[in-house]
Amino acid sequence: MCYNESMLGILLLVVFALYLDFLFPIFGRRKAKEPQHSEKYDQQMKKLWSAAQDSMRDHKPLRAEKALLTILKFDEKNAAAYNRLGILYAKGQKFEEAIECFEIAQSLDNNPSSLHNVGLIYLETGNYEKAAMAFRQALEIERDLPARFIALAKAEEKLGRLKAAIKSLEEAYKLDHSINTLRQILAIHELNGDSTAIADTTARIEAQISKAASSKTPKPARKSTAKRPKTVEKRSPRAATTPAKMKPATTATRPVARRAPVKATTPATRPTVSRTRSVPAPRVARRVAVPVPQAANTADARARADSIARAASARAGLRKRF
């Protein structure tokens, strides 16, 4: 007994030593390496996600695909990246690749969106049975979206299960209360040829339309934000500004003022000329009296008269001779 117990103790010690030598360093390194690149990893992931979203919004599928594949290269278990890549492939009519991406995303994360997307691709490609199965699996996880019931109703209608399709549409109507859902129900009843169901569904549609019309209240008229034009008062033309004690100048009736003779010795006292324009009057030639020098006395005058008379008589005598 003692020998067996001692051998068991030695064996346990050997196993523990082997664990410390080989297994513990491996697990310890893995745990130590994880937090070292977390900050860089987050930054790279944010850049790649923003690049992928911008490329999908700008309709650049090749760039978006490259960004998503780079994300999956860093993180192989990123279900969101697989889901986005599946949507990208579905838009490019690459249905097989899209289904594969959605199935991988579903295996990594039990997400109803991935199942719904797979069902839409199956519905597009004509595989209605798998589409209905995918929609039912999505509804088992989430039953709050009417779009999932409507998609299931389309698959059931394609398979010829009209009652199941109507049931799914009724569930969708309970969630959205939409007239379009009632119209889809009416279309299926018309295909089925059920007159009573057609009448009932038509009455439901009319009742909802009248209810919606009565609930609408007329909106108050919006106040016009356009600025009103400012009314400009027309001012009467102002009268010509004249001095207080002067009448307005009229060029036709106002007499022309004659200029006074200007003295040479007083240039500073020149008369001011009015700036009002007037019709110039014709100038009249003035008679200038030539001053006659007066004789100093009457004797000189008489002597000059006698000399003039003598000269005249002498001229007359000369004329008679010749």
C-alpha atoms as a PDB file:
ATOM      1  CA  MET A   1       0.000   0.000   0.000  1.00  0.00           C
ATOM      2  CA  CYS A   2       2.690   2.455   0.933  1.00  0.00           C
ATOM      3  CA  TYR A   3       4.546   1.669  -2.238  1.00  0.00           C
ATOM      4  CA  ASN A   4       1.471   2.320  -4.393  1.00  0.00           C
ATOM      5  CA  GLU A   5       0.721   5.607  -2.658  1.00  0.00           C
ATOM      6  CA  SER A   6       4.290   6.772  -3.092  1.00  0.00           C
ATOM      7  CA  MET A   7       4.236   5.888  -6.790  1.00  0.00           C
ATOM      8  CA  LEU A   8       0.947   7.777  -7.247  1.00  0.00           C
ATOM      9  CA  GLY A   9       2.390  10.841  -5.578  1.00  0.00           C
ATOM     10  CA  ILE A  10       5.459  10.746  -7.783  1.00  0.00           C
ATOM     11  CA  LEU A  11       3.264  10.439 -10.887  1.00  0.00           C
ATOM     12  CA  LEU A  12       1.202  13.471  -9.895  1.00  0.00           C
ATOM     13  CA  LEU A  13       4.365  15.487  -9.362  1.00  0.00           C
ATOM     14  CA  VAL A  14       5.669  14.506 -12.795  1.00  0.00           C
ATOM     15  CA  VAL A  15       2.365  15.519 -14.469  1.00  0.00           C
ATOM     16  CA  PHE A  16       2.365  18.869 -12.672  1.00  0.00           C
ATOM     17  CA  ALA A  17       5.988  19.506 -13.699  1.00  0.00           C
ATOM     18  CA  LEU A  18       5.170  18.727 -17.324  1.00  0.00           C
ATOM     19  CA  TYR A  19       2.234  21.149 -17.189  1.00  0.00           C
ATOM     20  CA  LEU A  20       4.440  23.888 -15.829  1.00  0.00           C
ATOM     21  CA  ASP A  21       7.134  23.262 -18.430  1.00  0.00           C
ATOM     22  CA  PHE A  22       5.065  22.885 -21.595  1.00  0.00           C
ATOM     23  CA  LEU A  23       1.397  23.867 -21.280  1.00  0.00           C
ATOM     24  CA  PHE A  24       1.477  26.826 -18.917  1.00  0.00           C
ATOM     25  CA  PRO A  25       3.847  29.002 -21.030  1.00  0.00           C
ATOM     26  CA  ILE A  26       1.668  28.520 -24.120  1.00  0.00           C
ATOM     27  CA  PHE A  27      -1.576  29.613 -22.423  1.00  0.00           C
ATOM     28  CA  GLY A  28       0.230  32.381 -20.577  1.00  0.00           C
ATOM     29  CA  ARG A  29       1.627  33.830 -23.805  1.00  0.00           C
ATOM     30  CA  ARG A  30      -1.774  33.795 -25.493  1.00  0.00           C
ATOM     31  CA  LYS A  31      -3.347  35.683 -22.637  1.00  0.00           C
ATOM     32  CA  ALA A  32      -0.486  38.156 -22.524  1.00  0.00           C
ATOM     33  CA  LYS A  33      -0.520  38.868 -26.261  1.00  0.00           C
ATOM     34  CA  GLU A  34      -4.233  39.728 -26.486  1.00  0.00           C
ATOM     35  CA  PRO A  35      -4.207  43.173 -24.797  1.00  0.00           C
ATOM     36  CA  GLN A  36      -1.014  44.337 -26.536  1.00  0.00           C
ATOM     37  CA  HIS A  37      -2.540  45.032 -29.978  1.00  0.00           C
ATOM     38  CA  SER A  38      -6.066  45.994 -28.847  1.00  0.00           C
ATOM     39  CA  GLU A  39      -5.700  49.750 -29.461  1.00  0.00           C
ATOM     40  CA  LYS A  40      -4.161  49.346 -32.904  1.00  0.00           C
ATOM     41  CA  TYR A  41      -6.722  46.688 -33.720  1.00  0.00           C
ATOM     42  CA  ASP A  42      -9.620  48.989 -32.808  1.00  0.00           C
ATOM     43  CA  GLN A  43      -8.227  51.849 -34.880  1.00  0.00           C
ATOM     44  CA  GLN A  44      -7.678  49.649 -37.926  1.00  0.00           C
ATOM     45  CA  MET A  45     -11.146  48.161 -37.603  1.00  0.00           C
ATOM     46  CA  LYS A  46     -12.780  51.594 -37.423  1.00  0.00           C
ATOM     47  CA  LYS A  47     -10.946  52.743 -40.544  1.00  0.00           C
ATOM     48  CA  LEU A  48     -11.878  49.599 -42.444  1.00  0.00           C
ATOM     49  CA  TRP A  49     -15.530  49.771 -41.387  1.00  0.00           C
ATOM     50  CA  SER A  50     -15.807  53.427 -42.394  1.00  0.00           C
ATOM     51  CA  ALA A  51     -14.156  52.640 -45.758  1.00  0.00           C
ATOM     52  CA  ALA A  52     -16.574  49.756 -46.368  1.00  0.00           C
ATOM     53  CA  GLN A  53     -19.658  51.807 -45.477  1.00  0.00           C
ATOM     54  CA  ASP A  54     -18.575  54.785 -47.591  1.00  0.00           C
ATOM     55  CA  SER A  55     -17.842  52.533 -50.551  1.00  0.00           C
ATOM     56  CA  MET A  56     -21.235  50.820 -50.336  1.00  0.00           C
ATOM     57  CA  ARG A  57     -22.968  54.190 -50.084  1.00  0.00           C
ATOM     58  CA  ASP A  58     -21.032  55.527 -53.093  1.00  0.00           C
ATOM     59  CA  HIS A  59     -21.764  52.359 -55.124  1.00  0.00           C
ATOM     60  CA  LYS A  60     -18.148  51.166 -55.238  1.00  0.00           C
ATOM     61  CA  PRO A  61     -18.512  47.380 -54.719  1.00  0.00           C
ATOM     62  CA  LEU A  62     -14.891  46.412 -55.378  1.00  0.00           C
ATOM     63  CA  ARG A  63     -13.546  48.816 -52.787  1.00  0.00           C
ATOM     64  CA  ALA A  64     -16.189  47.727 -50.255  1.00  0.00           C
ATOM     65  CA  GLU A  65     -15.413  44.053 -50.881  1.00  0.00           C
ATOM     66  CA  LYS A  66     -11.696  44.673 -50.360  1.00  0.00           C
ATOM     67  CA  ALA A  67     -12.336  46.452 -47.052  1.00  0.00           C
ATOM     68  CA  LEU A  68     -14.654  43.700 -45.768  1.00  0.00           C
ATOM     69  CA  LEU A  69     -12.241  40.940 -46.749  1.00  0.00           C
ATOM     70  CA  THR A  70      -9.468  42.801 -44.923  1.00  0.00           C
ATOM     71  CA  ILE A  71     -11.672  42.913 -41.813  1.00  0.00           C
ATOM     72  CA  LEU A  72     -12.239  39.170 -42.066  1.00  0.00           C
ATOM     73  CA  LYS A  73      -8.504  38.663 -42.455  1.00  0.00           C
ATOM     74  CA  PHE A  74      -7.966  40.308 -39.058  1.00  0.00           C
ATOM     75  CA  ASP A  75     -11.064  38.772 -37.471  1.00  0.00           C
ATOM     76  CA  GLU A  76     -12.308  35.532 -39.001  1.00  0.00           C
ATOM     77  CA  LYS A  77     -15.299  35.359 -36.645  1.00  0.00           C
ATOM     78  CA  ASN A  78     -16.803  38.750 -37.426  1.00  0.00           C
ATOM     79  CA  ALA A  79     -20.428  37.933 -38.204  1.00  0.00           C
ATOM     80  CA  ALA A  80     -21.313  41.526 -39.117  1.00  0.00           C
ATOM     81  CA  ALA A  81     -18.602  41.583 -41.804  1.00  0.00           C
ATOM     82  CA  TYR A  82     -19.921  38.335 -43.307  1.00  0.00           C
ATOM     83  CA  ASN A  83     -23.450  39.745 -43.268  1.00  0.00           C
ATOM     84  CA  ARG A  84     -22.400  42.943 -45.064  1.00  0.00           C
ATOM     85  CA  LEU A  85     -20.354  40.948 -47.556  1.00  0.00           C
ATOM     86  CA  GLY A  86     -23.405  38.782 -48.262  1.00  0.00           C
ATOM     87  CA  ILE A  87     -25.525  41.887 -48.913  1.00  0.00           C
ATOM     88  CA  LEU A  88     -22.834  43.163 -51.265  1.00  0.00           C
ATOM     89  CA  TYR A  89     -22.766  39.900 -53.197  1.00  0.00           C
ATOM     90  CA  ALA A  90     -26.567  39.796 -53.352  1.00  0.00           C
ATOM     91  CA  LYS A  91     -26.662  43.273 -54.933  1.00  0.00           C
ATOM     92  CA  GLY A  92     -24.128  42.081 -57.493  1.00  0.00           C
ATOM     93  CA  GLN A  93     -26.311  39.045 -58.373  1.00  0.00           C
ATOM     94  CA  LYS A  94     -23.699  36.678 -56.855  1.00  0.00           C
ATOM     95  CA  PHE A  95     -26.272  34.630 -54.996  1.00  0.00           C
ATOM     96  CA  GLU A  96     -24.163  31.587 -54.165  1.00  0.00           C
ATOM     97  CA  GLU A  97     -21.449  33.670 -52.496  1.00  0.00           C
ATOM     98  CA  ALA A  98     -24.127  35.698 -50.706  1.00  0.00           C
ATOM     99  CA  ILE A  99     -25.826  32.581 -49.302  1.00  0.00           C
ATOM    100  CA  GLU A 100     -22.486  31.234 -48.124  1.00  0.00           C
ATOM    101  CA  CYS A 101     -21.677  34.492 -46.329  1.00  0.00           C
ATOM    102  CA  PHE A 102     -25.096  34.626 -44.654  1.00  0.00           C
ATOM    103  CA  GLU A 103     -24.850  31.017 -43.505  1.00  0.00           C
ATOM    104  CA  ILE A 104     -21.396  31.656 -42.000  1.00  0.00           C
ATOM    105  CA  ALA A 105     -22.743  34.749 -40.254  1.00  0.00           C
ATOM    106  CA  GLN A 106     -25.668  32.717 -38.891  1.00  0.00           C
ATOM    107  CA  SER A 107     -23.337  30.002 -37.609  1.00  0.00           C
ATOM    108  CA  LEU A 108     -21.195  32.592 -35.819  1.00  0.00           C
ATOM    109  CA  ASP A 109     -24.078  34.643 -34.407  1.00  0.00           C
ATOM    110  CA  ASN A 110     -27.685  33.498 -34.145  1.00  0.00           C
ATOM    111  CA  ASN A 111     -29.003  36.654 -35.784  1.00  0.00           C
ATOM    112  CA  PRO A 112     -32.486  36.811 -37.396  1.00  0.00           C
ATOM    113  CA  SER A 113     -31.254  39.354 -39.959  1.00  0.00           C
ATOM    114  CA  SER A 114     -28.896  36.803 -41.515  1.00  0.00           C
ATOM    115  CA  LEU A 115     -31.689  34.258 -41.757  1.00  0.00           C
ATOM    116  CA  HIS A 116     -34.021  36.815 -43.276  1.00  0.00           C
ATOM    117  CA  ASN A 117     -31.389  37.782 -45.864  1.00  0.00           C
ATOM    118  CA  VAL A 118     -30.845  34.135 -46.773  1.00  0.00           C
ATOM    119  CA  GLY A 119     -34.601  33.724 -47.201  1.00  0.00           C
ATOM    120  CA  LEU A 120     -34.749  36.756 -49.507  1.00  0.00           C
ATOM    121  CA  ILE A 121     -32.008  35.286 -51.708  1.00  0.00           C
ATOM    122  CA  TYR A 122     -33.779  31.938 -51.864  1.00  0.00           C
ATOM    123  CA  LEU A 123     -36.992  33.776 -52.737  1.00  0.00           C
ATOM    124  CA  GLU A 124     -35.191  35.664 -55.501  1.00  0.00           C
ATOM    125  CA  THR A 125     -33.637  32.531 -56.957  1.00  0.00           C
ATOM    126  CA  GLY A 126     -36.903  30.572 -56.878  1.00  0.00           C
ATOM    127  CA  ASN A 127     -36.073  28.202 -54.027  1.00  0.00           C
ATOM    128  CA  TYR A 128     -39.330  28.926 -52.175  1.00  0.00           C
ATOM    129  CA  GLU A 129     -39.220  26.019 -49.740  1.00  0.00           C
ATOM    130  CA  LYS A 130     -35.835  27.032 -48.328  1.00  0.00           C
ATOM    131  CA  ALA A 131     -36.996  30.643 -48.297  1.00  0.00           C
ATOM    132  CA  ALA A 132     -40.045  29.804 -46.190  1.00  0.00           C
ATOM    133  CA  MET A 133     -37.861  27.738 -43.846  1.00  0.00           C
ATOM    134  CA  ALA A 134     -35.418  30.616 -43.390  1.00  0.00           C
ATOM    135  CA  PHE A 135     -38.246  33.080 -42.700  1.00  0.00           C
ATOM    136  CA  ARG A 136     -39.782  30.778 -40.113  1.00  0.00           C
ATOM    137  CA  GLN A 137     -36.433  30.398 -38.352  1.00  0.00           C
ATOM    138  CA  ALA A 138     -36.051  34.202 -38.306  1.00  0.00           C
ATOM    139  CA  LEU A 139     -39.568  34.559 -36.857  1.00  0.00           C
ATOM    140  CA  GLU A 140     -38.765  32.100 -34.092  1.00  0.00           C
ATOM    141  CA  ILE A 141     -36.032  34.469 -32.939  1.00  0.00           C
ATOM    142  CA  GLU A 142     -37.804  37.788 -33.575  1.00  0.00           C
ATOM    143  CA  ARG A 143     -41.536  38.354 -34.220  1.00  0.00           C
ATOM    144  CA  ASP A 144     -41.709  42.138 -33.908  1.00  0.00           C
ATOM    145  CA  LEU A 145     -41.109  43.070 -37.563  1.00  0.00           C
ATOM    146  CA  PRO A 146     -44.056  42.887 -40.004  1.00  0.00           C
ATOM    147  CA  ALA A 147     -41.615  42.586 -42.938  1.00  0.00           C
ATOM    148  CA  ARG A 148     -40.712  39.044 -41.863  1.00  0.00           C
ATOM    149  CA  PHE A 149     -44.382  37.938 -41.929  1.00  0.00           C
ATOM    150  CA  ILE A 150     -44.902  39.594 -45.334  1.00  0.00           C
ATOM    151  CA  ALA A 151     -41.828  37.825 -46.755  1.00  0.00           C
ATOM    152  CA  LEU A 152     -43.091  34.489 -45.394  1.00  0.00           C
ATOM    153  CA  ALA A 153     -46.502  35.183 -46.977  1.00  0.00           C
ATOM    154  CA  LYS A 154     -44.856  35.687 -50.382  1.00  0.00           C
ATOM    155  CA  ALA A 155     -43.021  32.375 -50.081  1.00  0.00           C
ATOM    156  CA  GLU A 156     -46.206  30.572 -48.998  1.00  0.00           C
ATOM    157  CA  GLU A 157     -48.144  32.137 -51.880  1.00  0.00           C
ATOM    158  CA  LYS A 158     -45.507  30.947 -54.376  1.00  0.00           C
ATOM    159  CA  LEU A 159     -45.817  27.457 -52.918  1.00  0.00           C
ATOM    160  CA  GLY A 160     -49.625  27.584 -53.324  1.00  0.00           C
ATOM    161  CA  ARG A 161     -50.367  27.675 -49.592  1.00  0.00           C
ATOM    162  CA  LEU A 162     -52.848  30.545 -49.733  1.00  0.00           C
ATOM    163  CA  LYS A 163     -54.332  30.037 -46.260  1.00  0.00           C
ATOM    164  CA  ALA A 164     -50.866  30.116 -44.689  1.00  0.00           C
ATOM    165  CA  ALA A 165     -50.076  33.249 -46.682  1.00  0.00           C
ATOM    166  CA  ILE A 166     -53.255  34.963 -45.467  1.00  0.00           C
ATOM    167  CA  LYS A 167     -52.446  33.955 -41.899  1.00  0.00           C
ATOM    168  CA  SER A 168     -48.976  35.496 -42.163  1.00  0.00           C
ATOM    169  CA  LEU A 169     -50.405  38.711 -43.638  1.00  0.00           C
ATOM    170  CA  GLU A 170     -52.962  38.948 -40.831  1.00  0.00           C
ATOM    171  CA  GLU A 171     -50.092  38.730 -38.327  1.00  0.00           C
ATOM    172  CA  ALA A 172     -48.297  41.492 -40.203  1.00  0.00           C
ATOM    173  CA  TYR A 173     -51.461  43.648 -40.176  1.00  0.00           C
ATOM    174  CA  LYS A 174     -51.670  43.340 -36.393  1.00  0.00           C
ATOM    175  CA  LEU A 175     -48.245  44.969 -36.218  1.00  0.00           C
ATOM    176  CA  ASP A 176     -48.395  47.704 -38.877  1.00  0.00           C
ATOM    177  CA  HIS A 177     -52.176  48.327 -39.478  1.00  0.00           C
ATOM    178  CA  SER A 178     -51.353  49.183 -43.073  1.00  0.00           C
ATOM    179  CA  ILE A 179     -53.851  49.431 -45.930  1.00  0.00           C
ATOM    180  CA  ASN A 180     -51.271  47.889 -48.262  1.00  0.00           C
ATOM    181  CA  THR A 181     -51.262  44.734 -46.126  1.00  0.00           C
ATOM    182  CA  LEU A 182     -55.060  44.541 -46.405  1.00  0.00           C
ATOM    183  CA  ARG A 183     -54.795  44.957 -50.165  1.00  0.00           C
ATOM    184  CA  GLN A 184     -52.374  42.024 -50.321  1.00  0.00           C
ATOM    185  CA  ILE A 185     -54.878  39.948 -48.334  1.00  0.00           C
ATOM    186  CA  LEU A 186     -57.602  41.021 -50.771  1.00  0.00           C
ATOM    187  CA  ALA A 187     -55.470  39.965 -53.747  1.00  0.00           C
ATOM    188  CA  ILE A 188     -54.979  36.472 -52.274  1.00  0.00           C
ATOM    189  CA  HIS A 189     -58.736  36.160 -51.599  1.00  0.00           C
ATOM    190  CA  GLU A 190     -59.398  37.094 -55.213  1.00  0.00           C
ATOM    191  CA  LEU A 191     -56.992  34.364 -56.345  1.00  0.00           C
ATOM    192  CA  ASN A 192     -58.780  31.927 -54.070  1.00  0.00           C
ATOM    193  CA  GLY A 193     -62.221  33.061 -55.292  1.00  0.00           C
ATOM    194  CA  ASP A 194     -63.756  33.519 -51.851  1.00  0.00           C
ATOM    195  CA  SER A 195     -66.509  36.115 -52.365  1.00  0.00           C
ATOM    196  CA  THR A 196     -67.412  36.542 -48.696  1.00  0.00           C
ATOM    197  CA  ALA A 197     -63.787  37.083 -47.728  1.00  0.00           C
ATOM    198  CA  ILE A 198     -63.428  39.558 -50.593  1.00  0.00           C
ATOM    199  CA  ALA A 199     -66.455  41.548 -49.350  1.00  0.00           C
ATOM    200  CA  ASP A 200     -65.221  41.542 -45.761  1.00  0.00           C
ATOM    201  CA  THR A 201     -61.723  42.630 -46.726  1.00  0.00           C
ATOM    202  CA  THR A 202     -63.073  45.391 -49.000  1.00  0.00           C
ATOM    203  CA  ALA A 203     -65.256  46.673 -46.150  1.00  0.00           C
ATOM    204  CA  ARG A 204     -62.208  46.717 -43.860  1.00  0.00           C
ATOM    205  CA  ILE A 205     -60.216  48.727 -46.392  1.00  0.00           C
ATOM    206  CA  GLU A 206     -63.043  51.257 -46.883  1.00  0.00           C
ATOM    207  CA  ALA A 207     -63.531  51.624 -43.137  1.00  0.00           C
ATOM    208  CA  GLN A 208     -59.842  52.270 -42.577  1.00  0.00           C
ATOM    209  CA  ILE A 209     -59.723  54.807 -45.414  1.00  0.00           C
ATOM    210  CA  SER A 210     -62.712  56.712 -44.008  1.00  0.00           C
ATOM    211  CA  LYS A 211     -61.213  56.591 -40.528  1.00  0.00           C
ATOM    212  CA  ALA A 212     -57.924  57.959 -41.790  1.00  0.00           C
ATOM    213  CA  ALA A 213     -59.743  60.734 -43.689  1.00  0.00           C
ATOM    214  CA  SER A 214     -61.793  61.758 -40.640  1.00  0.00           C
ATOM    215  CA  SER A 215     -58.769  61.754 -38.360  1.00  0.00           C
ATOM    216  CA  LYS A 216     -56.913  64.177 -40.595  1.00  0.00           C
ATOM    217  CA  THR A 217     -57.388  67.724 -39.376  1.00  0.00           C
ATOM    218  CA  PRO A 218     -56.874  70.606 -41.764  1.00  0.00           C
ATOM    219  CA  LYS A 219     -53.484  72.076 -41.233  1.00  0.00           C
ATOM    220  CA  PRO A 220     -53.387  75.779 -40.423  1.00  0.00           C
ATOM    221  CA  ALA A 221     -52.279  77.927 -43.270  1.00  0.00           C
ATOM    222  CA  ARG A 222     -48.695  78.808 -42.991  1.00  0.00           C
ATOM    223  CA  LYS A 223     -47.813  82.386 -42.621  1.00  0.00           C
ATOM    224  CA  SER A 224     -46.139  83.658 -45.701  1.00  0.00           C
ATOM    225  CA  THR A 225     -42.527  84.269 -44.974  1.00  0.00           C
ATOM    226  CA  ALA A 226     -42.084  86.451 -48.034  1.00  0.00           C
ATOM    227  CA  LYS A 227     -41.277  89.985 -47.111  1.00  0.00           C
ATOM    228  CA  ARG A 228     -43.890  92.523 -48.086  1.00  0.00           C
ATOM    229  CA  PRO A 229     -42.680  95.288 -50.359  1.00  0.00           C
ATOM    230  CA  LYS A 230     -42.259  98.536 -48.518  1.00  0.00           C
ATOM    231  CA  THR A 231     -44.786 101.183 -49.578  1.00  0.00           C
ATOM    232  CA  VAL A 232     -42.939 104.269 -50.687  1.00  0.00           C
ATOM    233  CA  GLU A 233     -44.841 107.484 -50.237  1.00  0.00           C
ATOM    234  CA  LYS A 234     -44.699 109.662 -53.300  1.00  0.00           C
ATOM    235  CA  ARG A 235     -43.591 113.064 -52.252  1.00  0.00           C
ATOM    236  CA  SER A 236     -44.832 116.127 -54.079  1.00  0.00           C
ATOM    237  CA  PRO A 237     -42.099 117.939 -55.962  1.00  0.00           C
ATOM    238  CA  ARG A 238     -40.583 120.624 -53.860  1.00  0.00           C
ATOM    239  CA  ALA A 239     -40.856 124.218 -54.990  1.00  0.00           C
ATOM    240  CA  ALA A 240     -37.716 125.975 -56.036  1.00  0.00           C
ATOM    241  CA  THR A 241     -35.949 127.355 -53.012  1.00  0.00           C
ATOM    242  CA  THR A 242     -36.056 131.134 -53.188  1.00  0.00           C
ATOM    243  CA  PRO A 243     -35.155 133.748 -50.620  1.00  0.00           C
ATOM    244  CA  ALA A 244     -37.890 134.793 -48.253  1.00  0.00           C
ATOM    245  CA  LYS A 245     -38.492 138.285 -49.707  1.00  0.00           C
ATOM    246  CA  MET A 246     -37.857 137.509 -53.386  1.00  0.00           C
ATOM    247  CA  LYS A 247     -40.234 136.263 -56.062  1.00  0.00           C
ATOM    248  CA  PRO A 248     -39.280 133.320 -58.256  1.00  0.00           C
ATOM    249  CA  ALA A 249     -37.209 134.429 -61.195  1.00  0.00           C
ATOM    250  CA  THR A 250     -38.912 134.360 -64.586  1.00  0.00           C
ATOM    251  CA  THR A 251     -36.657 134.853 -67.568  1.00  0.00           C
ATOM    252  CA  ALA A 252     -39.400 136.119 -69.881  1.00  0.00           C
ATOM    253  CA  THR A 253     -40.862 138.985 -67.821  1.00  0.00           C
ATOM    254  CA  ARG A 254     -37.930 140.042 -65.717  1.00  0.00           C
ATOM    255  CA  PRO A 255     -36.367 143.333 -66.995  1.00  0.00           C
ATOM    256  CA  VAL A 256     -32.694 143.233 -67.793  1.00  0.00           C
ATOM    257  CA  ALA A 257     -30.634 145.260 -65.375  1.00  0.00           C
ATOM    258  CA  ARG A 258     -28.230 147.652 -67.042  1.00  0.00           C
ATOM    259  CA  ARG A 259     -24.690 147.570 -65.935  1.00  0.00           C
ATOM    260  CA  ALA A 260     -23.378 150.640 -64.244  1.00  0.00           C
ATOM    261  CA  PRO A 261     -20.144 152.148 -65.615  1.00  0.00           C
ATOM    262  CA  VAL A 262     -17.181 150.739 -63.825  1.00  0.00           C
ATOM    263  CA  LYS A 263     -14.676 153.154 -62.504  1.00  0.00           C
ATOM    264  CA  ALA A 264     -11.052 152.357 -63.067  1.00  0.00           C
ATOM    265  CA  THR A 265      -9.989 153.631 -59.711  1.00  0.00           C
ATOM    266  CA  THR A 266     -12.329 151.422 -57.669  1.00  0.00           C
ATOM    267  CA  PRO A 267     -12.007 147.801 -58.850  1.00  0.00           C
ATOM    268  CA  ALA A 268     -13.146 146.391 -55.486  1.00  0.00           C
ATOM    269  CA  THR A 269     -16.658 147.881 -55.771  1.00  0.00           C
ATOM    270  CA  ARG A 270     -17.756 145.859 -58.810  1.00  0.00           C
ATOM    271  CA  PRO A 271     -21.444 145.011 -58.755  1.00  0.00           C
ATOM    272  CA  THR A 272     -22.373 141.373 -58.138  1.00  0.00           C
ATOM    273  CA  VAL A 273     -23.946 139.659 -61.122  1.00  0.00           C
ATOM    274  CA  SER A 274     -27.036 137.461 -60.543  1.00  0.00           C
ATOM    275  CA  ARG A 275     -26.493 133.778 -61.420  1.00  0.00           C
ATOM    276  CA  THR A 276     -29.965 133.444 -62.860  1.00  0.00           C
ATOM    277  CA  ARG A 277     -29.768 133.110 -66.591  1.00  0.00           C
ATOM    278  CA  SER A 278     -31.598 135.902 -68.423  1.00  0.00           C
ATOM    279  CA  VAL A 279     -32.162 136.808 -72.024  1.00  0.00           C
ATOM    280  CA  PRO A 280     -29.491 139.337 -73.075  1.00  0.00           C
ATOM    281  CA  ALA A 281     -31.005 142.646 -74.224  1.00  0.00           C
ATOM    282  CA  PRO A 282     -29.762 144.301 -77.424  1.00  0.00           C
ATOM    283  CA  ARG A 283     -27.170 146.919 -76.774  1.00  0.00           C
ATOM    284  CA  VAL A 284     -28.034 150.491 -77.793  1.00  0.00           C
ATOM    285  CA  ALA A 285     -25.277 152.718 -79.128  1.00  0.00           C
ATOM    286  CA  ARG A 286     -24.798 155.617 -76.842  1.00  0.00           C
ATOM    287  CA  ARG A 287     -24.139 159.157 -78.072  1.00  0.00           C
ATOM    288  CA  VAL A 288     -20.916 160.468 -76.797  1.00  0.00           C
ATOM    289  CA  ALA A 289     -20.700 164.250 -76.587  1.00  0.00           C
ATOM    290  CA  VAL A 290     -17.378 165.519 -77.933  1.00  0.00           C
ATOM    291  CA  PRO A 291     -16.213 168.348 -75.750  1.00  0.00           C
ATOM    292  CA  VAL A 292     -15.583 171.622 -77.741  1.00  0.00           C
ATOM    293  CA  PRO A 293     -12.828 173.733 -76.357  1.00  0.00           C
ATOM    294  CA  GLN A 294     -14.175 177.169 -75.386  1.00  0.00           C
ATOM    295  CA  ALA A 295     -12.252 180.318 -76.435  1.00  0.00           C
ATOM    296  CA  ALA A 296     -10.364 182.128 -73.812  1.00  0.00           C
ATOM    297  CA  ASN A 297     -12.131 185.371 -74.647  1.00  0.00           C
ATOM    298  CA  THR A 298     -14.345 186.855 -77.329  1.00  0.00           C
ATOM    299  CA  ALA A 299     -11.442 188.755 -78.987  1.00  0.00           C
ATOM    300  CA  ASP A 300      -9.668 185.630 -80.004  1.00  0.00           C
ATOM    301  CA  ALA A 301     -12.897 184.324 -81.394  1.00  0.00           C
ATOM    302  CA  ARG A 302     -13.483 187.378 -83.531  1.00  0.00           C
ATOM    303  CA  ALA A 303      -9.901 187.341 -84.845  1.00  0.00           C
ATOM    304  CA  ARG A 304     -10.260 183.713 -85.845  1.00  0.00           C
ATOM    305  CA  ALA A 305     -13.557 184.497 -87.583  1.00  0.00           C
ATOM    306  CA  ASP A 306     -12.020 187.307 -89.567  1.00  0.00           C
ATOM    307  CA  SER A 307      -9.113 185.141 -90.658  1.00  0.00           C
ATOM    308  CA  ILE A 308     -11.493 182.456 -91.760  1.00  0.00           C
ATOM    309  CA  ALA A 309     -13.563 184.945 -93.747  1.00  0.00           C
ATOM    310  CA  ARG A 310     -10.460 186.342 -95.440  1.00  0.00           C
ATOM    311  CA  ALA A 311      -9.299 182.897 -96.388  1.00  0.00           C
ATOM    312  CA  ALA A 312     -12.675 182.097 -97.848  1.00  0.00           C
ATOM    313  CA  SER A 313     -12.786 185.277 -99.950  1.00  0.00           C
ATOM    314  CA  ALA A 314      -9.248 184.607-101.206  1.00  0.00           C
ATOM    315  CA  ARG A 315     -10.284 181.141-102.292  1.00  0.00           C
ATOM    316  CA  ALA A 316     -13.297 182.551-104.088  1.00  0.00           C
ATOM    317  CA  GLY A 317     -11.151 185.092-105.957  1.00  0.00           C
ATOM    318  CA  LEU A 318      -8.786 182.410-107.112  1.00  0.00           C
ATOM    319  CA  ARG A 319     -11.608 180.335-108.455  1.00  0.00           C
ATOM    320  CA  LYS A 320     -12.941 183.336-110.493  1.00  0.00           C
ATOM    321  CA  ARG A 321      -9.565 183.900-112.125  1.00  0.00           C
ATOM    322  CA  PHE A 322      -9.218 180.364-113.325  1.00  0.00           C
END
